[in-house]
Each structure stands twice: as C-alpha cells, then as structure tokens.
C-alpha cells in the first residue's frame, strides 16, 4: 500500500475510533492532517478572541518544516495507536 492510500485509510478510520480522543490528541490529529495535506501554515494567526482557532493554528505551526510524507506517517501511526 502506498503512503497516500494508508493516509486515506487512516482518515476514514479516524471517524470510527472506539472513543473520542482528548483535546490535545485532537489538536495533534488536526495539525498532522493539515501539514500532510497542505504543508506549512501560512497567513495570519487567528485573533485572541478565537481561542480554538488559535490553538489549532499553534499546533499546526509547531510542525513547520515537517515534510508532508513524515506528517502522513505520523498521522497513520497516531490513528493506529488510537484504534488499539
């Protein structure tokens, strides 16, 4: 299986996890997904009144410079851990 196929399968699996992950894990999932699909974060950081948007952006920005393939593999590994 190619990395892209495994990533797509992990995306599908993430919607059917046995239990809802905690907020920090959800932020990590979001950041890895964005880094794998788009690359480095660009544009303005959300305003301080948008705490959720800011947390998401900060988590994504922390992965700056991570190659898309590495982010895909980390996402796959994280979902595999959550499925177990």
C-alpha atoms as a PDB file:
ATOM      1  CA  UNK A   1       0.000   0.000   0.000  1.00  0.00           C
ATOM      2  CA  UNK A   2       1.278   3.460  -0.822  1.00  0.00           C
ATOM      3  CA  UNK A   3       1.619   6.105   1.857  1.00  0.00           C
ATOM      4  CA  UNK A   4      -1.260   8.113   0.341  1.00  0.00           C
ATOM      5  CA  UNK A   5      -3.569   5.076   0.447  1.00  0.00           C
ATOM      6  CA  UNK A   6      -2.602   4.378   4.062  1.00  0.00           C
ATOM      7  CA  UNK A   7      -3.202   8.050   4.911  1.00  0.00           C
ATOM      8  CA  UNK A   8      -6.644   7.978   3.278  1.00  0.00           C
ATOM      9  CA  UNK A   9      -7.466   4.815   5.238  1.00  0.00           C
ATOM     10  CA  UNK A  10      -6.311   6.461   8.477  1.00  0.00           C
ATOM     11  CA  UNK A  11      -8.578   9.440   7.721  1.00  0.00           C
ATOM     12  CA  UNK A  12     -11.521   7.077   7.308  1.00  0.00           C
ATOM     13  CA  UNK A  13     -10.554   5.164  10.458  1.00  0.00           C
ATOM     14  CA  UNK A  14     -10.335   8.401  12.462  1.00  0.00           C
ATOM     15  CA  UNK A  15     -14.092   8.828  12.101  1.00  0.00           C
ATOM     16  CA  UNK A  16     -14.754   5.437  13.716  1.00  0.00           C
ATOM     17  CA  UNK A  17     -12.463   5.384  16.740  1.00  0.00           C
ATOM     18  CA  UNK A  18     -13.659   3.376  19.763  1.00  0.00           C
ATOM     19  CA  UNK A  19     -13.693   6.527  21.911  1.00  0.00           C
ATOM     20  CA  UNK A  20     -13.311  10.266  21.366  1.00  0.00           C
ATOM     21  CA  UNK A  21      -9.684  11.373  21.820  1.00  0.00           C
ATOM     22  CA  UNK A  22      -8.815  14.087  24.334  1.00  0.00           C
ATOM     23  CA  UNK A  23      -8.421  17.680  23.121  1.00  0.00           C
ATOM     24  CA  UNK A  24      -4.611  17.562  22.903  1.00  0.00           C
ATOM     25  CA  UNK A  25      -4.778  14.439  20.731  1.00  0.00           C
ATOM     26  CA  UNK A  26      -7.448  16.060  18.553  1.00  0.00           C
ATOM     27  CA  UNK A  27      -5.161  19.084  18.092  1.00  0.00           C
ATOM     28  CA  UNK A  28      -2.306  16.783  17.112  1.00  0.00           C
ATOM     29  CA  UNK A  29      -4.546  14.964  14.628  1.00  0.00           C
ATOM     30  CA  UNK A  30      -5.641  18.296  13.144  1.00  0.00           C
ATOM     31  CA  UNK A  31      -2.098  19.630  12.866  1.00  0.00           C
ATOM     32  CA  UNK A  32      -0.749  16.448  11.279  1.00  0.00           C
ATOM     33  CA  UNK A  33      -3.652  16.368   8.812  1.00  0.00           C
ATOM     34  CA  UNK A  34      -3.098  19.998   7.782  1.00  0.00           C
ATOM     35  CA  UNK A  35       0.676  19.554   7.480  1.00  0.00           C
ATOM     36  CA  UNK A  36       0.231  16.359   5.427  1.00  0.00           C
ATOM     37  CA  UNK A  37      -2.396  17.810   3.107  1.00  0.00           C
ATOM     38  CA  UNK A  38      -1.355  21.482   2.793  1.00  0.00           C
ATOM     39  CA  UNK A  39       2.151  21.886   4.203  1.00  0.00           C
ATOM     40  CA  UNK A  40       3.374  24.706   6.426  1.00  0.00           C
ATOM     41  CA  UNK A  41       0.821  27.084   7.919  1.00  0.00           C
ATOM     42  CA  UNK A  42       0.597  30.445   6.165  1.00  0.00           C
ATOM     43  CA  UNK A  43      -1.312  33.655   6.731  1.00  0.00           C
ATOM     44  CA  UNK A  44      -2.411  35.434   9.868  1.00  0.00           C
ATOM     45  CA  UNK A  45      -2.760  33.812  13.274  1.00  0.00           C
ATOM     46  CA  UNK A  46      -6.397  33.973  14.459  1.00  0.00           C
ATOM     47  CA  UNK A  47      -7.373  36.789  16.795  1.00  0.00           C
ATOM     48  CA  UNK A  48      -7.081  36.223  20.552  1.00  0.00           C
ATOM     49  CA  UNK A  49     -10.879  36.018  20.811  1.00  0.00           C
ATOM     50  CA  UNK A  50     -10.819  32.839  18.663  1.00  0.00           C
ATOM     51  CA  UNK A  51      -9.176  30.541  21.190  1.00  0.00           C
ATOM     52  CA  UNK A  52      -9.978  27.318  19.336  1.00  0.00           C
ATOM     53  CA  UNK A  53      -8.703  28.676  16.023  1.00  0.00           C
ATOM     54  CA  UNK A  54      -5.580  29.937  17.743  1.00  0.00           C
ATOM     55  CA  UNK A  55      -4.901  26.567  19.390  1.00  0.00           C
ATOM     56  CA  UNK A  56      -5.357  24.794  16.066  1.00  0.00           C
ATOM     57  CA  UNK A  57      -3.057  27.237  14.285  1.00  0.00           C
ATOM     58  CA  UNK A  58      -0.400  26.974  17.000  1.00  0.00           C
ATOM     59  CA  UNK A  59      -0.459  23.168  16.851  1.00  0.00           C
ATOM     60  CA  UNK A  60      -0.135  23.262  13.056  1.00  0.00           C
ATOM     61  CA  UNK A  61       2.571  25.929  13.175  1.00  0.00           C
ATOM     62  CA  UNK A  62       4.598  23.741  15.572  1.00  0.00           C
ATOM     63  CA  UNK A  63       5.037  21.279  12.689  1.00  0.00           C
ATOM     64  CA  UNK A  64       6.579  23.906  10.398  1.00  0.00           C
ATOM     65  CA  UNK A  65       9.235  22.327   8.197  1.00  0.00           C
ATOM     66  CA  UNK A  66       7.930  18.775   8.651  1.00  0.00           C
ATOM     67  CA  UNK A  67       7.802  17.064   5.238  1.00  0.00           C
ATOM     68  CA  UNK A  68       4.320  16.027   4.103  1.00  0.00           C
ATOM     69  CA  UNK A  69       5.343  12.363   3.980  1.00  0.00           C
ATOM     70  CA  UNK A  70       6.539  12.460   7.599  1.00  0.00           C
ATOM     71  CA  UNK A  71       3.299  14.124   8.708  1.00  0.00           C
ATOM     72  CA  UNK A  72       1.298  11.468   6.852  1.00  0.00           C
ATOM     73  CA  UNK A  73       3.233   8.669   8.562  1.00  0.00           C
ATOM     74  CA  UNK A  74       2.853  10.284  11.994  1.00  0.00           C
ATOM     75  CA  UNK A  75      -0.906  10.649  11.393  1.00  0.00           C
ATOM     76  CA  UNK A  76      -1.173   6.984  10.353  1.00  0.00           C
ATOM     77  CA  UNK A  77       0.789   5.887  13.432  1.00  0.00           C
ATOM     78  CA  UNK A  78      -1.338   8.038  15.755  1.00  0.00           C
ATOM     79  CA  UNK A  79      -4.609   6.638  14.393  1.00  0.00           C
ATOM     80  CA  UNK A  80      -3.255   3.089  14.681  1.00  0.00           C
ATOM     81  CA  UNK A  81      -2.480   3.771  18.383  1.00  0.00           C
ATOM     82  CA  UNK A  82      -5.969   5.174  18.955  1.00  0.00           C
ATOM     83  CA  UNK A  83      -7.636   2.173  17.298  1.00  0.00           C
ATOM     84  CA  UNK A  84      -5.880  -0.290  19.617  1.00  0.00           C
END
